[in-house]
Structure formats: structure tokens, C-alpha cells
Amino acid sequence: MKEPAADYRGFVFFPTFAKTFLLNVMNSKLIAPSMLASDFGNLQRDTEMVNNSEADWFHIDVMDGHFVPNISYGMPVIKAIKKHATKPLDVHLMIEKPERYIEEFAKVGADIITVHYESTVHLHRTLRQIKATGCKAGVVLNLTTPVSVLEDILPECFMVLLMSINPGFGGQKFEDITYNRIKKLRKMIDVQGLDTHIEIDGGVTDKNIKQLVDAGANVFVAGSHVFKSSNQPETIKKLKLIANS
């Protein structure tokens, strides 16, 4: 049987992993280790660990100290990660007025850019701006922002990221209200006949990932659970196995 033609529009990939990435998105639940929890003094080492693990994406949390009460890293660090990364960079902008910096984040290596619904006045324009750079575009919702606000914008979204904690700091406890939010969002996506991905960020562990899958999510950010473990590749492997079982 002839293999269907792959569609890589909107991605700027290294040729060695473009096809694998597309198949992973289509056929399995994805794990995206959060580099915010990595050892910044050994950034290349931790980047290569993710490369060599069963993880699918790098999750990059950008914080500005205004939209959230923390400051993480910006373009130079993302550029450094991109230099060694062999998997897509999923860049999560927790910043005010993200439209000011979309082109710069695309230039330093973002493959996916997600912006908070609460952070930009003209969301539709911002998503189109992201797409114009060649990146995939997504929207993030804070913990208690109703998922219903996305009903009309969903067709523009490659992905919706639901915060399962209050954004700003890693290592927080997962909030159980997330399960019902996922179910509501999945129903909205299915009713519209879309392929929009649902990503969960905050407190994801091997204890709750299966329940998150059952609720309808398919992309999982794991920070402290991965980088504070004694065997990081094995922890990623376990998350991947449970999510896809």
C-alpha cells in the first residue's frame, strides 16, 4: 500500500526527525519535558538527555515577571537549546503582549508557539501572526478561565494548553478541576470535527497521566517529575508507556 503523503506545512524541522514527529503526533500520546526544571548549569547535557529519551517535544516556559510572578529565560537560552535539540521546541509564552516578540521566538528556533488567552487583546491576530512565521499556533488557558471562550477560535488552534496549576512556578500540586475542563474542551473539539491537540501543563506524574488521557488530553508537560527523578530517561519512558497503554 502506498504511504500517504506527509504534510509538514508550518514546521521548520531537521530532516532526520520531521517524519517521525508527524507520525508521533498522529498515532500516540506525547511527552514534553519542561526545560524550566532542568539544570541550567548543564543545559546541553539535559537537552541531549531529552534527545535520547522517548520524549517527543521540548517544552520551553518563557516568563516575564509581569504576566506571572517569575522570570525564566528568553531568546538566548532558547537559541542554545535549539542548537543541540533534535526534537521540536514547544514554546509557551507566559508574557504580556506576546505579539511583540513572536517573530523573534520563531527566529531562535520555536516550532510551536502558544500564547495565553488572557495575555493578548487580539487573539485571532496573534495566532495568525504565529502561523505567518511558519510555527504552529496554540492558545493557553489559565486554571479557571472557562474553556467556552475558545469556541470560535478553535479552528485556528493547532493545540490548546490547559494549565493544571496557577502559572509561574514549577513543582506545584496538580488541580483536580482540570479533568472536567479537559472533557469540556474535548467535546468542543469533537463537535467541530477538529484535530486540535490538548496539552496539560502542571503537576503531571505517572499517578495521574492515565486519567488525563481518559479525559481527552494527548500532550503532557512534565517538569519536576522528570528532572528530579534519579533516572530521567526511564521516567519519561514510564510516562509514555502509561499514556499509551
C-alpha atoms as a PDB file:
ATOM      1  CA  MET A   1       0.000   0.000   0.000  1.00  0.00           C
ATOM      2  CA  LYS A   2       1.303   3.424  -0.895  1.00  0.00           C
ATOM      3  CA  GLU A   3       2.111   5.511   2.154  1.00  0.00           C
ATOM      4  CA  PRO A   4       0.033   8.729   2.429  1.00  0.00           C
ATOM      5  CA  ALA A   5       1.912  11.900   1.640  1.00  0.00           C
ATOM      6  CA  ALA A   6       3.098  13.648   4.775  1.00  0.00           C
ATOM      7  CA  ASP A   7       2.154  17.273   5.319  1.00  0.00           C
ATOM      8  CA  TYR A   8       4.845  19.303   7.091  1.00  0.00           C
ATOM      9  CA  ARG A   9       3.386  22.736   6.363  1.00  0.00           C
ATOM     10  CA  GLY A  10       4.020  25.142   9.166  1.00  0.00           C
ATOM     11  CA  PHE A  11       7.075  23.340  10.565  1.00  0.00           C
ATOM     12  CA  VAL A  12      10.764  24.015  10.100  1.00  0.00           C
ATOM     13  CA  PHE A  13      12.330  20.686  11.071  1.00  0.00           C
ATOM     14  CA  PHE A  14      15.617  18.920  10.850  1.00  0.00           C
ATOM     15  CA  PRO A  15      15.073  16.334   8.064  1.00  0.00           C
ATOM     16  CA  THR A  16      16.076  13.437  10.318  1.00  0.00           C
ATOM     17  CA  PHE A  17      13.072  13.756  12.591  1.00  0.00           C
ATOM     18  CA  ALA A  18      10.345  15.501  10.580  1.00  0.00           C
ATOM     19  CA  LYS A  19       8.537  12.340   9.517  1.00  0.00           C
ATOM     20  CA  THR A  20       8.875  10.721  12.949  1.00  0.00           C
ATOM     21  CA  PHE A  21       7.444  13.805  14.598  1.00  0.00           C
ATOM     22  CA  LEU A  22       4.385  13.835  12.379  1.00  0.00           C
ATOM     23  CA  LEU A  23       3.682  10.161  12.998  1.00  0.00           C
ATOM     24  CA  ASN A  24       4.073  10.648  16.745  1.00  0.00           C
ATOM     25  CA  VAL A  25       1.526  13.441  16.734  1.00  0.00           C
ATOM     26  CA  MET A  26      -0.933  11.346  14.763  1.00  0.00           C
ATOM     27  CA  ASN A  27      -0.529   8.000  16.484  1.00  0.00           C
ATOM     28  CA  SER A  28       0.401   8.423  20.142  1.00  0.00           C
ATOM     29  CA  LYS A  29       0.202  10.477  23.312  1.00  0.00           C
ATOM     30  CA  LEU A  30       3.143  12.870  23.573  1.00  0.00           C
ATOM     31  CA  ILE A  31       5.520  13.714  26.401  1.00  0.00           C
ATOM     32  CA  ALA A  32       7.133  17.170  26.533  1.00  0.00           C
ATOM     33  CA  PRO A  33       9.690  17.556  29.338  1.00  0.00           C
ATOM     34  CA  SER A  34       9.750  21.105  30.679  1.00  0.00           C
ATOM     35  CA  MET A  35      13.241  22.575  30.468  1.00  0.00           C
ATOM     36  CA  LEU A  36      12.321  25.006  33.245  1.00  0.00           C
ATOM     37  CA  ALA A  37      13.049  22.134  35.645  1.00  0.00           C
ATOM     38  CA  SER A  38      16.362  21.206  34.008  1.00  0.00           C
ATOM     39  CA  ASP A  39      19.806  22.030  35.371  1.00  0.00           C
ATOM     40  CA  PHE A  40      20.714  25.319  33.681  1.00  0.00           C
ATOM     41  CA  GLY A  41      24.353  24.711  34.548  1.00  0.00           C
ATOM     42  CA  ASN A  42      24.215  21.554  32.451  1.00  0.00           C
ATOM     43  CA  LEU A  43      21.777  22.655  29.767  1.00  0.00           C
ATOM     44  CA  GLN A  44      23.466  20.822  26.894  1.00  0.00           C
ATOM     45  CA  ARG A  45      23.573  17.616  28.934  1.00  0.00           C
ATOM     46  CA  ASP A  46      19.876  17.820  29.769  1.00  0.00           C
ATOM     47  CA  THR A  47      18.973  18.732  26.193  1.00  0.00           C
ATOM     48  CA  GLU A  48      20.806  15.669  24.929  1.00  0.00           C
ATOM     49  CA  MET A  49      19.059  13.540  27.572  1.00  0.00           C
ATOM     50  CA  VAL A  50      15.702  14.585  26.112  1.00  0.00           C
ATOM     51  CA  ASN A  51      17.030  13.952  22.588  1.00  0.00           C
ATOM     52  CA  ASN A  52      17.991  10.405  23.519  1.00  0.00           C
ATOM     53  CA  SER A  53      14.845   9.645  25.519  1.00  0.00           C
ATOM     54  CA  GLU A  54      11.364   8.659  24.375  1.00  0.00           C
ATOM     55  CA  ALA A  55      10.161  12.248  24.820  1.00  0.00           C
ATOM     56  CA  ASP A  56       8.530  13.918  21.815  1.00  0.00           C
ATOM     57  CA  TRP A  57       8.966  17.661  22.327  1.00  0.00           C
ATOM     58  CA  PHE A  58      10.922  20.111  24.438  1.00  0.00           C
ATOM     59  CA  HIS A  59       8.583  22.334  26.459  1.00  0.00           C
ATOM     60  CA  ILE A  60      10.010  25.834  26.889  1.00  0.00           C
ATOM     61  CA  ASP A  61       8.381  28.106  29.511  1.00  0.00           C
ATOM     62  CA  VAL A  62       9.046  31.805  28.955  1.00  0.00           C
ATOM     63  CA  MET A  63       8.098  34.074  31.890  1.00  0.00           C
ATOM     64  CA  ASP A  64       8.404  37.842  32.051  1.00  0.00           C
ATOM     65  CA  GLY A  65       7.821  38.679  35.720  1.00  0.00           C
ATOM     66  CA  HIS A  66       4.658  40.608  34.798  1.00  0.00           C
ATOM     67  CA  PHE A  67       2.098  38.168  33.432  1.00  0.00           C
ATOM     68  CA  VAL A  68       3.344  35.643  36.010  1.00  0.00           C
ATOM     69  CA  PRO A  69       5.358  36.321  39.199  1.00  0.00           C
ATOM     70  CA  ASN A  70       8.544  34.732  37.943  1.00  0.00           C
ATOM     71  CA  ILE A  71      11.251  35.284  35.323  1.00  0.00           C
ATOM     72  CA  SER A  72      12.648  32.278  33.456  1.00  0.00           C
ATOM     73  CA  TYR A  73      14.649  32.712  30.259  1.00  0.00           C
ATOM     74  CA  GLY A  74      14.389  34.274  26.836  1.00  0.00           C
ATOM     75  CA  MET A  75      15.772  34.135  23.318  1.00  0.00           C
ATOM     76  CA  PRO A  76      19.457  33.371  24.065  1.00  0.00           C
ATOM     77  CA  VAL A  77      18.645  30.274  26.122  1.00  0.00           C
ATOM     78  CA  ILE A  78      16.122  29.013  23.569  1.00  0.00           C
ATOM     79  CA  LYS A  79      18.714  29.529  20.835  1.00  0.00           C
ATOM     80  CA  ALA A  80      21.202  27.493  22.884  1.00  0.00           C
ATOM     81  CA  ILE A  81      18.720  24.646  23.352  1.00  0.00           C
ATOM     82  CA  LYS A  82      17.820  24.684  19.659  1.00  0.00           C
ATOM     83  CA  LYS A  83      21.500  24.309  18.746  1.00  0.00           C
ATOM     84  CA  HIS A  84      21.523  20.823  20.273  1.00  0.00           C
ATOM     85  CA  ALA A  85      17.859  19.781  20.127  1.00  0.00           C
ATOM     86  CA  THR A  86      16.750  17.122  17.658  1.00  0.00           C
ATOM     87  CA  LYS A  87      13.080  17.371  18.616  1.00  0.00           C
ATOM     88  CA  PRO A  88      10.576  20.225  18.221  1.00  0.00           C
ATOM     89  CA  LEU A  89      10.532  23.161  20.624  1.00  0.00           C
ATOM     90  CA  ASP A  90       7.117  23.817  22.151  1.00  0.00           C
ATOM     91  CA  VAL A  91       7.434  27.410  23.368  1.00  0.00           C
ATOM     92  CA  HIS A  92       4.893  28.519  25.975  1.00  0.00           C
ATOM     93  CA  LEU A  93       4.800  32.303  26.316  1.00  0.00           C
ATOM     94  CA  MET A  94       3.711  33.406  29.785  1.00  0.00           C
ATOM     95  CA  ILE A  95       4.277  37.047  28.933  1.00  0.00           C
ATOM     96  CA  GLU A  96       2.246  40.203  28.485  1.00  0.00           C
ATOM     97  CA  LYS A  97       1.556  41.285  24.898  1.00  0.00           C
ATOM     98  CA  PRO A  98       3.284  38.274  23.298  1.00  0.00           C
ATOM     99  CA  GLU A  99       2.595  39.663  19.834  1.00  0.00           C
ATOM    100  CA  ARG A 100       5.607  41.959  20.333  1.00  0.00           C
ATOM    101  CA  TYR A 101       8.035  39.017  20.264  1.00  0.00           C
ATOM    102  CA  ILE A 102       6.510  36.310  18.037  1.00  0.00           C
ATOM    103  CA  GLU A 103       8.945  36.793  15.157  1.00  0.00           C
ATOM    104  CA  GLU A 104      11.958  36.712  17.481  1.00  0.00           C
ATOM    105  CA  PHE A 105      10.912  33.450  19.128  1.00  0.00           C
ATOM    106  CA  ALA A 106      10.371  31.910  15.716  1.00  0.00           C
ATOM    107  CA  LYS A 107      13.832  33.033  14.591  1.00  0.00           C
ATOM    108  CA  VAL A 108      15.605  31.439  17.561  1.00  0.00           C
ATOM    109  CA  GLY A 109      14.004  28.065  16.983  1.00  0.00           C
ATOM    110  CA  ALA A 110      10.407  27.721  18.165  1.00  0.00           C
ATOM    111  CA  ASP A 111       8.383  25.116  16.256  1.00  0.00           C
ATOM    112  CA  ILE A 112       5.166  25.601  18.250  1.00  0.00           C
ATOM    113  CA  ILE A 113       4.230  28.857  19.986  1.00  0.00           C
ATOM    114  CA  THR A 114       1.396  29.034  22.496  1.00  0.00           C
ATOM    115  CA  VAL A 115       0.084  32.283  23.959  1.00  0.00           C
ATOM    116  CA  HIS A 116      -2.270  32.859  26.864  1.00  0.00           C
ATOM    117  CA  TYR A 117      -5.816  33.865  26.072  1.00  0.00           C
ATOM    118  CA  GLU A 118      -5.522  36.288  28.984  1.00  0.00           C
ATOM    119  CA  SER A 119      -2.339  37.967  27.714  1.00  0.00           C
ATOM    120  CA  THR A 120      -3.305  39.391  24.328  1.00  0.00           C
ATOM    121  CA  VAL A 121      -6.204  41.615  23.298  1.00  0.00           C
ATOM    122  CA  HIS A 122      -6.395  40.469  19.671  1.00  0.00           C
ATOM    123  CA  LEU A 123      -6.036  36.697  19.961  1.00  0.00           C
ATOM    124  CA  HIS A 124      -7.061  35.882  16.383  1.00  0.00           C
ATOM    125  CA  ARG A 125      -4.500  38.327  15.005  1.00  0.00           C
ATOM    126  CA  THR A 126      -1.783  36.907  17.271  1.00  0.00           C
ATOM    127  CA  LEU A 127      -2.463  33.318  16.169  1.00  0.00           C
ATOM    128  CA  ARG A 128      -2.303  34.371  12.520  1.00  0.00           C
ATOM    129  CA  GLN A 129       0.961  36.172  13.298  1.00  0.00           C
ATOM    130  CA  ILE A 130       2.403  32.940  14.708  1.00  0.00           C
ATOM    131  CA  LYS A 131       1.346  30.970  11.663  1.00  0.00           C
ATOM    132  CA  ALA A 132       2.893  33.550   9.353  1.00  0.00           C
ATOM    133  CA  THR A 133       6.313  32.760  10.856  1.00  0.00           C
ATOM    134  CA  GLY A 134       5.954  29.081   9.924  1.00  0.00           C
ATOM    135  CA  CYS A 135       5.270  27.923  13.503  1.00  0.00           C
ATOM    136  CA  LYS A 136       2.241  26.042  14.752  1.00  0.00           C
ATOM    137  CA  ALA A 137      -0.064  28.209  16.879  1.00  0.00           C
ATOM    138  CA  GLY A 138      -1.744  27.408  20.164  1.00  0.00           C
ATOM    139  CA  VAL A 139      -3.708  29.022  22.977  1.00  0.00           C
ATOM    140  CA  VAL A 140      -3.192  28.589  26.718  1.00  0.00           C
ATOM    141  CA  LEU A 141      -5.925  28.946  29.340  1.00  0.00           C
ATOM    142  CA  ASN A 142      -5.269  29.758  32.970  1.00  0.00           C
ATOM    143  CA  LEU A 143      -6.655  27.375  35.568  1.00  0.00           C
ATOM    144  CA  THR A 144     -10.084  28.983  35.967  1.00  0.00           C
ATOM    145  CA  THR A 145     -10.622  30.597  32.565  1.00  0.00           C
ATOM    146  CA  PRO A 146     -13.692  28.843  31.064  1.00  0.00           C
ATOM    147  CA  VAL A 147     -12.885  26.657  28.072  1.00  0.00           C
ATOM    148  CA  SER A 148     -16.017  28.036  26.381  1.00  0.00           C
ATOM    149  CA  VAL A 149     -14.129  31.241  25.495  1.00  0.00           C
ATOM    150  CA  LEU A 150     -12.306  29.268  22.788  1.00  0.00           C
ATOM    151  CA  GLU A 151     -15.356  28.033  20.902  1.00  0.00           C
ATOM    152  CA  ASP A 152     -14.977  30.454  17.995  1.00  0.00           C
ATOM    153  CA  ILE A 153     -11.164  30.420  17.844  1.00  0.00           C
ATOM    154  CA  LEU A 154     -10.626  26.628  17.958  1.00  0.00           C
ATOM    155  CA  PRO A 155     -10.281  26.244  14.159  1.00  0.00           C
ATOM    156  CA  GLU A 156      -7.183  28.474  14.347  1.00  0.00           C
ATOM    157  CA  CYS A 157      -5.531  26.326  17.027  1.00  0.00           C
ATOM    158  CA  PHE A 158      -3.058  23.528  16.424  1.00  0.00           C
ATOM    159  CA  MET A 159      -3.203  22.984  20.171  1.00  0.00           C
ATOM    160  CA  VAL A 160      -4.862  24.211  23.360  1.00  0.00           C
ATOM    161  CA  LEU A 161      -2.768  24.091  26.526  1.00  0.00           C
ATOM    162  CA  LEU A 162      -4.755  23.859  29.756  1.00  0.00           C
ATOM    163  CA  MET A 163      -2.911  24.953  32.865  1.00  0.00           C
ATOM    164  CA  SER A 164      -3.464  22.436  35.649  1.00  0.00           C
ATOM    165  CA  ILE A 165      -1.787  24.744  38.175  1.00  0.00           C
ATOM    166  CA  ASN A 166      -1.547  28.508  38.542  1.00  0.00           C
ATOM    167  CA  PRO A 167       1.227  29.507  36.127  1.00  0.00           C
ATOM    168  CA  GLY A 168       4.558  30.897  37.260  1.00  0.00           C
ATOM    169  CA  PHE A 169       6.402  28.229  39.204  1.00  0.00           C
ATOM    170  CA  GLY A 170       7.275  24.585  38.709  1.00  0.00           C
ATOM    171  CA  GLY A 171       6.703  21.841  41.255  1.00  0.00           C
ATOM    172  CA  GLN A 172       3.116  22.788  42.137  1.00  0.00           C
ATOM    173  CA  LYS A 173       0.366  20.318  43.018  1.00  0.00           C
ATOM    174  CA  PHE A 174      -1.986  19.284  40.207  1.00  0.00           C
ATOM    175  CA  GLU A 175      -5.503  20.739  40.493  1.00  0.00           C
ATOM    176  CA  ASP A 176      -8.311  18.184  40.066  1.00  0.00           C
ATOM    177  CA  ILE A 177     -10.687  20.626  38.357  1.00  0.00           C
ATOM    178  CA  THR A 178      -8.542  20.033  35.271  1.00  0.00           C
ATOM    179  CA  TYR A 179     -10.211  16.698  34.459  1.00  0.00           C
ATOM    180  CA  ASN A 180     -13.628  18.239  33.870  1.00  0.00           C
ATOM    181  CA  ARG A 181     -12.086  21.098  31.884  1.00  0.00           C
ATOM    182  CA  ILE A 182     -10.409  18.592  29.558  1.00  0.00           C
ATOM    183  CA  LYS A 183     -13.703  16.776  28.994  1.00  0.00           C
ATOM    184  CA  LYS A 184     -15.488  20.013  28.121  1.00  0.00           C
ATOM    185  CA  LEU A 185     -12.737  21.057  25.725  1.00  0.00           C
ATOM    186  CA  ARG A 186     -12.542  17.639  24.065  1.00  0.00           C
ATOM    187  CA  LYS A 187     -16.299  17.756  23.456  1.00  0.00           C
ATOM    188  CA  MET A 188     -15.986  21.197  21.837  1.00  0.00           C
ATOM    189  CA  ILE A 189     -13.183  19.975  19.583  1.00  0.00           C
ATOM    190  CA  ASP A 190     -15.062  16.825  18.566  1.00  0.00           C
ATOM    191  CA  VAL A 191     -18.295  18.709  17.858  1.00  0.00           C
ATOM    192  CA  GLN A 192     -16.399  20.964  15.443  1.00  0.00           C
ATOM    193  CA  GLY A 193     -14.649  17.986  13.834  1.00  0.00           C
ATOM    194  CA  LEU A 194     -11.174  19.336  14.566  1.00  0.00           C
ATOM    195  CA  ASP A 195      -7.820  17.661  15.248  1.00  0.00           C
ATOM    196  CA  THR A 196      -6.753  20.220  17.851  1.00  0.00           C
ATOM    197  CA  HIS A 197      -4.419  18.767  20.468  1.00  0.00           C
ATOM    198  CA  ILE A 198      -4.980  19.199  24.211  1.00  0.00           C
ATOM    199  CA  GLU A 199      -1.823  19.750  26.231  1.00  0.00           C
ATOM    200  CA  ILE A 200      -1.684  19.681  30.050  1.00  0.00           C
ATOM    201  CA  ASP A 201       0.930  21.656  31.985  1.00  0.00           C
ATOM    202  CA  GLY A 202       1.446  21.405  35.728  1.00  0.00           C
ATOM    203  CA  GLY A 203       1.786  18.542  38.182  1.00  0.00           C
ATOM    204  CA  VAL A 204       1.688  15.747  35.601  1.00  0.00           C
ATOM    205  CA  THR A 205       3.059  12.474  37.026  1.00  0.00           C
ATOM    206  CA  ASP A 206       2.808   8.748  36.487  1.00  0.00           C
ATOM    207  CA  LYS A 207      -0.038   8.787  39.047  1.00  0.00           C
ATOM    208  CA  ASN A 208      -2.429  10.996  37.043  1.00  0.00           C
ATOM    209  CA  ILE A 209      -1.392  10.795  33.391  1.00  0.00           C
ATOM    210  CA  LYS A 210      -3.721   7.892  32.557  1.00  0.00           C
ATOM    211  CA  GLN A 211      -6.711   9.733  33.985  1.00  0.00           C
ATOM    212  CA  LEU A 212      -5.738  12.778  31.927  1.00  0.00           C
ATOM    213  CA  VAL A 213      -5.637  10.618  28.789  1.00  0.00           C
ATOM    214  CA  ASP A 214      -9.042   9.156  29.626  1.00  0.00           C
ATOM    215  CA  ALA A 215     -10.444  12.680  29.979  1.00  0.00           C
ATOM    216  CA  GLY A 216      -9.258  13.538  26.457  1.00  0.00           C
ATOM    217  CA  ALA A 217      -5.783  15.077  26.652  1.00  0.00           C
ATOM    218  CA  ASN A 218      -2.945  13.862  24.428  1.00  0.00           C
ATOM    219  CA  VAL A 219       0.143  16.032  25.134  1.00  0.00           C
ATOM    220  CA  PHE A 220       1.737  16.156  28.591  1.00  0.00           C
ATOM    221  CA  VAL A 221       4.281  18.561  30.031  1.00  0.00           C
ATOM    222  CA  ALA A 222       6.385  17.041  32.805  1.00  0.00           C
ATOM    223  CA  GLY A 223       8.991  19.108  34.600  1.00  0.00           C
ATOM    224  CA  SER A 224       9.908  18.309  38.185  1.00  0.00           C
ATOM    225  CA  HIS A 225       8.599  14.751  37.853  1.00  0.00           C
ATOM    226  CA  VAL A 226      11.186  14.108  35.142  1.00  0.00           C
ATOM    227  CA  PHE A 227      14.190  16.211  36.093  1.00  0.00           C
ATOM    228  CA  LYS A 228      14.095  15.451  39.825  1.00  0.00           C
ATOM    229  CA  SER A 229      13.943  11.713  39.217  1.00  0.00           C
ATOM    230  CA  SER A 230      17.020   9.529  39.657  1.00  0.00           C
ATOM    231  CA  ASN A 231      16.618   8.042  36.169  1.00  0.00           C
ATOM    232  CA  GLN A 232      15.210  10.689  33.847  1.00  0.00           C
ATOM    233  CA  PRO A 233      15.026   8.645  30.609  1.00  0.00           C
ATOM    234  CA  GLU A 234      13.296   5.818  32.475  1.00  0.00           C
ATOM    235  CA  THR A 235      10.785   8.250  33.992  1.00  0.00           C
ATOM    236  CA  ILE A 236       9.965   9.609  30.536  1.00  0.00           C
ATOM    237  CA  LYS A 237       9.654   6.067  29.204  1.00  0.00           C
ATOM    238  CA  LYS A 238       7.231   5.164  32.002  1.00  0.00           C
ATOM    239  CA  LEU A 239       5.060   8.243  31.354  1.00  0.00           C
ATOM    240  CA  LYS A 240       4.968   7.408  27.656  1.00  0.00           C
ATOM    241  CA  LEU A 241       4.058   3.789  28.334  1.00  0.00           C
ATOM    242  CA  ILE A 242       1.248   4.590  30.754  1.00  0.00           C
ATOM    243  CA  ALA A 243      -0.185   7.300  28.499  1.00  0.00           C
ATOM    244  CA  ASN A 244      -0.287   4.974  25.501  1.00  0.00           C
ATOM    245  CA  SER A 245      -1.477   1.831  27.277  1.00  0.00           C
END
